[in-house]
């Protein structure tokens, strides 16, 4: 996969997150389905937390500290009452910052960089795996948007 294709994957995920968040309040973002799973707030916070961890692996300054990431870790206690929740507005602003930093990093990569070994894989494969994880959550955001009663279709 080329750098351009990887950039497009991250851009698409980012656009889905932005579009699904449009018009949602912080209070809306705390609603959860009556089954196991996170709220929209948790999902967006998880993306920023995951990007922060990922940025550290890429030697980019993370957006969030480790402490800010904890409520959004996999397996963290549900954020039902909002006491542990970061404000949705801040999460979305931090997602914007993470996107800009990631885009700057990706724009500097060459195909040789993508083929280079990184831990037990290549940098390109690591980026693809991370983009896939984000896409997994991006697909769930539509259901959580509908939970607040929006009854719209923002992704076509």
Foldseek 3Di string as FASTA:
>chain_A
DFLVVLLVLLVVLLVLLVLLCPPDFQVLQQDDDPDDDAGNQLLLLLLLLVLQVVCVLVVHHRLDDPVLNQCNDVPHDYCRPVPNTDGPVVSNVSVVVSSVRVVVVSVPDGVVQQCPDRVPHGNVVVSVVSSVVSVVSSVVSVVSSCVSPPPDDRDD
